N, C-alpha and C. Protein backbone atom coordinates (compact mmCIF):
# COMPACT_ATOMS: atom_id res chain seq x y z
N GLN A 1 46.35 -10.90 36.80
CA GLN A 1 47.36 -11.28 35.83
C GLN A 1 48.68 -11.53 36.55
N VAL A 2 49.26 -12.70 36.29
CA VAL A 2 50.52 -13.05 36.94
C VAL A 2 51.68 -12.43 36.17
N GLN A 3 52.59 -11.80 36.91
CA GLN A 3 53.79 -11.24 36.30
C GLN A 3 55.00 -11.67 37.13
N LEU A 4 56.10 -11.94 36.42
CA LEU A 4 57.34 -12.37 37.06
C LEU A 4 58.48 -11.49 36.57
N VAL A 5 59.33 -11.06 37.50
CA VAL A 5 60.48 -10.24 37.14
C VAL A 5 61.72 -10.85 37.77
N GLU A 6 62.65 -11.30 36.92
CA GLU A 6 63.91 -11.88 37.40
C GLU A 6 64.97 -10.79 37.57
N SER A 7 65.89 -11.04 38.48
CA SER A 7 67.04 -10.16 38.66
C SER A 7 68.17 -10.96 39.30
N GLY A 8 69.35 -10.35 39.35
CA GLY A 8 70.48 -10.98 40.02
C GLY A 8 71.51 -11.59 39.11
N GLY A 9 71.27 -11.59 37.81
CA GLY A 9 72.25 -12.13 36.89
C GLY A 9 73.46 -11.22 36.76
N GLY A 10 74.46 -11.71 36.04
CA GLY A 10 75.66 -10.90 35.84
C GLY A 10 76.82 -11.75 35.36
N LEU A 11 78.00 -11.14 35.41
CA LEU A 11 79.23 -11.81 35.03
C LEU A 11 79.95 -12.29 36.29
N VAL A 12 80.34 -13.56 36.29
CA VAL A 12 81.01 -14.13 37.46
C VAL A 12 82.11 -15.07 36.98
N GLN A 13 83.17 -15.18 37.75
CA GLN A 13 84.26 -16.08 37.40
C GLN A 13 83.90 -17.53 37.73
N PRO A 14 84.51 -18.47 37.04
CA PRO A 14 84.28 -19.88 37.39
C PRO A 14 84.55 -20.13 38.87
N GLY A 15 83.67 -20.90 39.49
CA GLY A 15 83.77 -21.15 40.92
C GLY A 15 83.02 -20.15 41.77
N GLY A 16 82.53 -19.09 41.17
CA GLY A 16 81.82 -18.06 41.91
C GLY A 16 80.36 -18.42 42.15
N SER A 17 79.65 -17.47 42.77
CA SER A 17 78.25 -17.69 43.15
C SER A 17 77.39 -16.50 42.73
N LEU A 18 76.13 -16.78 42.51
CA LEU A 18 75.12 -15.75 42.26
C LEU A 18 73.81 -16.22 42.88
N ARG A 19 72.97 -15.26 43.23
CA ARG A 19 71.61 -15.59 43.65
C ARG A 19 70.63 -14.85 42.75
N LEU A 20 69.84 -15.60 42.02
CA LEU A 20 68.81 -15.03 41.18
C LEU A 20 67.52 -14.89 41.97
N SER A 21 66.78 -13.82 41.68
CA SER A 21 65.49 -13.58 42.32
C SER A 21 64.41 -13.51 41.27
N CYS A 22 63.23 -13.97 41.63
CA CYS A 22 62.07 -13.92 40.76
C CYS A 22 60.92 -13.36 41.59
N ALA A 23 60.62 -12.09 41.38
CA ALA A 23 59.56 -11.42 42.13
C ALA A 23 58.24 -11.61 41.40
N ALA A 24 57.25 -12.10 42.12
CA ALA A 24 55.95 -12.40 41.52
C ALA A 24 54.90 -11.38 41.96
N SER A 25 53.97 -11.10 41.06
CA SER A 25 52.79 -10.31 41.38
C SER A 25 51.59 -10.96 40.71
N GLY A 26 50.42 -10.75 41.30
CA GLY A 26 49.21 -11.32 40.76
C GLY A 26 48.92 -12.73 41.24
N THR A 27 49.82 -13.27 42.08
CA THR A 27 49.62 -14.59 42.65
C THR A 27 50.56 -14.73 43.84
N SER A 28 50.27 -15.70 44.68
CA SER A 28 51.16 -15.99 45.80
C SER A 28 52.03 -17.19 45.45
N VAL A 29 53.35 -17.02 45.56
CA VAL A 29 54.25 -18.12 45.21
C VAL A 29 54.21 -19.24 46.24
N SER A 30 53.57 -18.98 47.38
CA SER A 30 53.57 -20.00 48.44
C SER A 30 52.68 -21.19 48.11
N ILE A 31 51.79 -21.05 47.14
CA ILE A 31 50.79 -22.10 46.91
C ILE A 31 50.83 -22.70 45.52
N ILE A 32 51.80 -22.29 44.69
CA ILE A 32 51.83 -22.79 43.32
C ILE A 32 53.21 -23.32 42.98
N PRO A 33 53.31 -24.21 42.01
CA PRO A 33 54.62 -24.71 41.58
C PRO A 33 55.44 -23.59 40.93
N ALA A 34 56.74 -23.63 41.21
CA ALA A 34 57.66 -22.64 40.64
C ALA A 34 58.86 -23.36 40.06
N TYR A 35 59.39 -22.81 38.98
CA TYR A 35 60.46 -23.47 38.23
C TYR A 35 61.51 -22.44 37.80
N TRP A 36 62.71 -22.94 37.60
CA TRP A 36 63.76 -22.18 36.92
C TRP A 36 64.18 -22.98 35.69
N TYR A 37 64.34 -22.26 34.59
CA TYR A 37 64.84 -22.82 33.34
C TYR A 37 66.01 -21.96 32.88
N ARG A 38 66.75 -22.45 31.88
CA ARG A 38 67.81 -21.64 31.29
C ARG A 38 67.91 -21.98 29.80
N GLN A 39 68.44 -21.01 29.06
CA GLN A 39 68.64 -21.19 27.63
C GLN A 39 69.99 -20.61 27.24
N ALA A 40 70.87 -21.48 26.80
CA ALA A 40 72.19 -21.06 26.34
C ALA A 40 72.11 -20.71 24.85
N PRO A 41 73.05 -19.91 24.35
CA PRO A 41 73.03 -19.54 22.93
C PRO A 41 73.05 -20.76 22.04
N GLY A 42 72.12 -20.81 21.08
CA GLY A 42 72.07 -21.90 20.13
C GLY A 42 71.48 -23.19 20.66
N LYS A 43 70.98 -23.16 21.89
CA LYS A 43 70.41 -24.37 22.49
C LYS A 43 68.96 -24.15 22.89
N GLU A 44 68.26 -25.26 23.12
CA GLU A 44 66.88 -25.16 23.56
C GLU A 44 66.83 -24.83 25.05
N ARG A 45 65.70 -24.25 25.45
CA ARG A 45 65.50 -23.97 26.87
C ARG A 45 65.45 -25.29 27.63
N GLU A 46 66.11 -25.34 28.78
CA GLU A 46 66.13 -26.56 29.57
C GLU A 46 65.73 -26.28 31.01
N TRP A 47 65.10 -27.24 31.60
CA TRP A 47 64.67 -27.17 33.00
C TRP A 47 65.89 -27.26 33.91
N VAL A 48 65.88 -26.45 34.98
CA VAL A 48 66.99 -26.42 35.93
C VAL A 48 66.56 -26.91 37.30
N ALA A 49 65.43 -26.37 37.82
CA ALA A 49 65.02 -26.71 39.18
C ALA A 49 63.53 -26.47 39.34
N SER A 50 62.94 -27.20 40.29
CA SER A 50 61.51 -27.08 40.57
C SER A 50 61.27 -27.03 42.07
N SER A 51 60.24 -26.29 42.44
CA SER A 51 59.72 -26.32 43.80
C SER A 51 58.22 -26.48 43.65
N THR A 52 57.77 -27.73 43.71
CA THR A 52 56.37 -28.00 43.36
C THR A 52 55.44 -27.97 44.56
N ASN A 53 55.96 -28.14 45.72
CA ASN A 53 55.22 -28.03 46.97
C ASN A 53 56.20 -27.58 48.03
N PRO A 54 55.72 -27.00 49.10
CA PRO A 54 56.67 -26.62 50.17
C PRO A 54 57.52 -27.81 50.60
N GLY A 55 58.82 -27.67 50.49
CA GLY A 55 59.72 -28.72 50.90
C GLY A 55 60.00 -29.77 49.86
N VAL A 56 59.33 -29.70 48.71
CA VAL A 56 59.56 -30.68 47.64
C VAL A 56 60.28 -29.98 46.50
N VAL A 57 61.55 -30.29 46.30
CA VAL A 57 62.35 -29.65 45.27
C VAL A 57 63.05 -30.73 44.44
N SER A 58 63.39 -30.36 43.23
CA SER A 58 64.14 -31.27 42.37
C SER A 58 65.03 -30.46 41.45
N TYR A 59 66.10 -31.11 40.94
CA TYR A 59 67.12 -30.42 40.16
C TYR A 59 67.56 -31.27 38.97
N ALA A 60 67.97 -30.57 37.92
CA ALA A 60 68.62 -31.26 36.81
C ALA A 60 69.95 -31.82 37.31
N ASP A 61 70.35 -32.93 36.73
CA ASP A 61 71.61 -33.56 37.16
C ASP A 61 72.80 -32.62 37.02
N SER A 62 72.76 -31.76 36.02
CA SER A 62 73.89 -30.88 35.74
C SER A 62 74.11 -29.83 36.83
N VAL A 63 73.09 -29.56 37.65
CA VAL A 63 73.22 -28.52 38.68
C VAL A 63 73.05 -29.07 40.09
N LYS A 64 72.72 -30.35 40.21
CA LYS A 64 72.46 -30.94 41.52
C LYS A 64 73.69 -30.81 42.42
N GLY A 65 73.46 -30.36 43.64
CA GLY A 65 74.56 -30.16 44.58
C GLY A 65 75.19 -28.79 44.50
N ARG A 66 74.86 -28.02 43.47
CA ARG A 66 75.43 -26.67 43.30
C ARG A 66 74.37 -25.58 43.37
N PHE A 67 73.16 -25.88 42.90
CA PHE A 67 72.07 -24.90 42.86
C PHE A 67 71.02 -25.24 43.92
N THR A 68 70.37 -24.20 44.45
CA THR A 68 69.30 -24.39 45.42
C THR A 68 68.14 -23.47 45.09
N ILE A 69 66.95 -24.04 44.95
CA ILE A 69 65.74 -23.25 44.74
C ILE A 69 65.05 -23.07 46.09
N SER A 70 64.54 -21.86 46.32
CA SER A 70 63.87 -21.59 47.58
C SER A 70 62.83 -20.50 47.37
N ARG A 71 62.00 -20.29 48.38
CA ARG A 71 60.97 -19.26 48.30
C ARG A 71 61.00 -18.41 49.56
N ASP A 72 60.67 -17.14 49.41
CA ASP A 72 60.38 -16.27 50.53
C ASP A 72 58.92 -15.88 50.37
N ASN A 73 58.07 -16.55 51.11
CA ASN A 73 56.63 -16.33 50.92
C ASN A 73 56.21 -14.93 51.35
N ALA A 74 56.86 -14.38 52.35
CA ALA A 74 56.50 -13.04 52.82
C ALA A 74 56.80 -11.99 51.75
N LYS A 75 57.91 -12.18 51.02
CA LYS A 75 58.28 -11.22 49.98
C LYS A 75 57.72 -11.62 48.61
N ASN A 76 57.14 -12.83 48.53
CA ASN A 76 56.60 -13.34 47.27
C ASN A 76 57.69 -13.46 46.20
N ILE A 77 58.82 -14.04 46.58
CA ILE A 77 59.97 -14.17 45.70
C ILE A 77 60.42 -15.63 45.68
N VAL A 78 60.82 -16.08 44.50
CA VAL A 78 61.46 -17.39 44.34
C VAL A 78 62.93 -17.14 44.00
N TYR A 79 63.81 -17.85 44.68
CA TYR A 79 65.25 -17.65 44.49
C TYR A 79 65.88 -18.87 43.82
N LEU A 80 67.02 -18.63 43.18
CA LEU A 80 67.88 -19.70 42.73
C LEU A 80 69.30 -19.33 43.14
N ARG A 81 69.80 -20.03 44.15
CA ARG A 81 71.17 -19.83 44.61
C ARG A 81 72.06 -20.74 43.79
N MET A 82 73.09 -20.17 43.17
CA MET A 82 73.99 -20.92 42.29
C MET A 82 75.41 -20.81 42.82
N ASN A 83 75.97 -21.93 43.20
CA ASN A 83 77.35 -21.98 43.71
C ASN A 83 78.24 -22.76 42.75
N ASN A 84 79.55 -22.57 42.89
CA ASN A 84 80.53 -23.29 42.08
C ASN A 84 80.16 -23.23 40.59
N LEU A 85 79.91 -22.02 40.12
CA LEU A 85 79.46 -21.85 38.74
C LEU A 85 80.54 -22.25 37.75
N LYS A 86 80.08 -22.79 36.62
CA LYS A 86 80.96 -23.27 35.57
C LYS A 86 80.64 -22.53 34.27
N PRO A 87 81.60 -22.46 33.34
CA PRO A 87 81.31 -21.78 32.07
C PRO A 87 80.07 -22.34 31.37
N GLU A 88 79.82 -23.63 31.52
CA GLU A 88 78.65 -24.23 30.87
C GLU A 88 77.33 -23.82 31.51
N ASP A 89 77.39 -23.10 32.62
CA ASP A 89 76.17 -22.55 33.23
C ASP A 89 75.75 -21.23 32.57
N THR A 90 76.57 -20.71 31.67
CA THR A 90 76.24 -19.47 30.99
C THR A 90 74.96 -19.62 30.19
N ALA A 91 73.99 -18.74 30.46
CA ALA A 91 72.69 -18.83 29.81
C ALA A 91 71.83 -17.67 30.28
N VAL A 92 70.69 -17.51 29.63
CA VAL A 92 69.64 -16.66 30.16
C VAL A 92 68.77 -17.54 31.05
N TYR A 93 68.54 -17.10 32.27
CA TYR A 93 67.77 -17.86 33.24
C TYR A 93 66.37 -17.27 33.37
N TYR A 94 65.38 -18.16 33.32
CA TYR A 94 63.98 -17.76 33.38
C TYR A 94 63.29 -18.44 34.57
N CYS A 95 62.46 -17.70 35.26
CA CYS A 95 61.60 -18.35 36.24
C CYS A 95 60.21 -18.51 35.63
N SER A 96 59.47 -19.44 36.18
CA SER A 96 58.14 -19.75 35.67
C SER A 96 57.29 -20.29 36.80
N VAL A 97 56.01 -19.94 36.76
CA VAL A 97 55.05 -20.50 37.71
C VAL A 97 53.84 -21.00 36.93
N VAL A 98 53.12 -21.90 37.57
CA VAL A 98 51.91 -22.45 36.96
C VAL A 98 50.75 -22.21 37.92
N ARG A 99 49.74 -21.55 37.42
CA ARG A 99 48.55 -21.30 38.23
C ARG A 99 47.33 -21.61 37.38
N ALA A 100 46.47 -22.47 37.90
CA ALA A 100 45.25 -22.87 37.20
C ALA A 100 45.56 -23.39 35.81
N GLY A 101 46.65 -24.13 35.69
CA GLY A 101 47.00 -24.74 34.41
C GLY A 101 47.67 -23.81 33.42
N VAL A 102 47.89 -22.57 33.81
CA VAL A 102 48.51 -21.60 32.91
C VAL A 102 49.95 -21.34 33.38
N GLN A 103 50.90 -21.51 32.47
CA GLN A 103 52.30 -21.27 32.80
C GLN A 103 52.69 -19.86 32.38
N THR A 104 53.30 -19.14 33.32
CA THR A 104 53.76 -17.78 33.09
C THR A 104 55.27 -17.73 33.20
N TRP A 105 55.91 -16.93 32.34
CA TRP A 105 57.37 -16.79 32.30
C TRP A 105 57.78 -15.36 32.61
N GLY A 106 58.95 -15.24 33.20
CA GLY A 106 59.57 -13.93 33.34
C GLY A 106 60.34 -13.60 32.07
N GLN A 107 60.99 -12.42 32.09
CA GLN A 107 61.69 -11.95 30.90
C GLN A 107 63.10 -12.50 30.81
N GLY A 108 63.60 -13.09 31.89
CA GLY A 108 64.93 -13.68 31.88
C GLY A 108 66.01 -12.76 32.42
N THR A 109 67.08 -13.36 32.93
CA THR A 109 68.24 -12.61 33.39
C THR A 109 69.49 -13.35 32.93
N GLN A 110 70.44 -12.61 32.40
CA GLN A 110 71.64 -13.20 31.81
C GLN A 110 72.66 -13.56 32.89
N VAL A 111 73.17 -14.78 32.82
CA VAL A 111 74.27 -15.22 33.67
C VAL A 111 75.42 -15.62 32.76
N THR A 112 76.57 -15.00 32.98
CA THR A 112 77.77 -15.31 32.19
C THR A 112 78.88 -15.73 33.14
N VAL A 113 79.41 -16.92 32.91
CA VAL A 113 80.49 -17.45 33.75
C VAL A 113 81.75 -17.50 32.89
N SER A 114 82.69 -16.63 33.21
CA SER A 114 83.89 -16.51 32.39
C SER A 114 85.01 -15.89 33.19
N SER A 115 86.23 -16.29 32.89
CA SER A 115 87.39 -15.69 33.54
C SER A 115 87.94 -14.55 32.67
């Protein structure tokens, strides 16, 4: 059974940085697609970043150039490094992986960008 646990969220001022972690168990993140999504209050969940193969990453236009998705295969963790954060980045952030056609979600971690 695949399980994902996110951490690293918190309160940060505009222009600040955070690194979110997504620790996986029950599968190896080195061989499966991994994603980050976010959901702001009153809005639908939206895709943020993908790492679909080693070295193949993509980003939503709203975060391109500021966010970086990466993996630590030895620790079995997927990261989302977020720089130059803006108030509109405030949301609950979720990681997700797909294995054998089944998508699994973590419980989410809150990111609040405010002065």
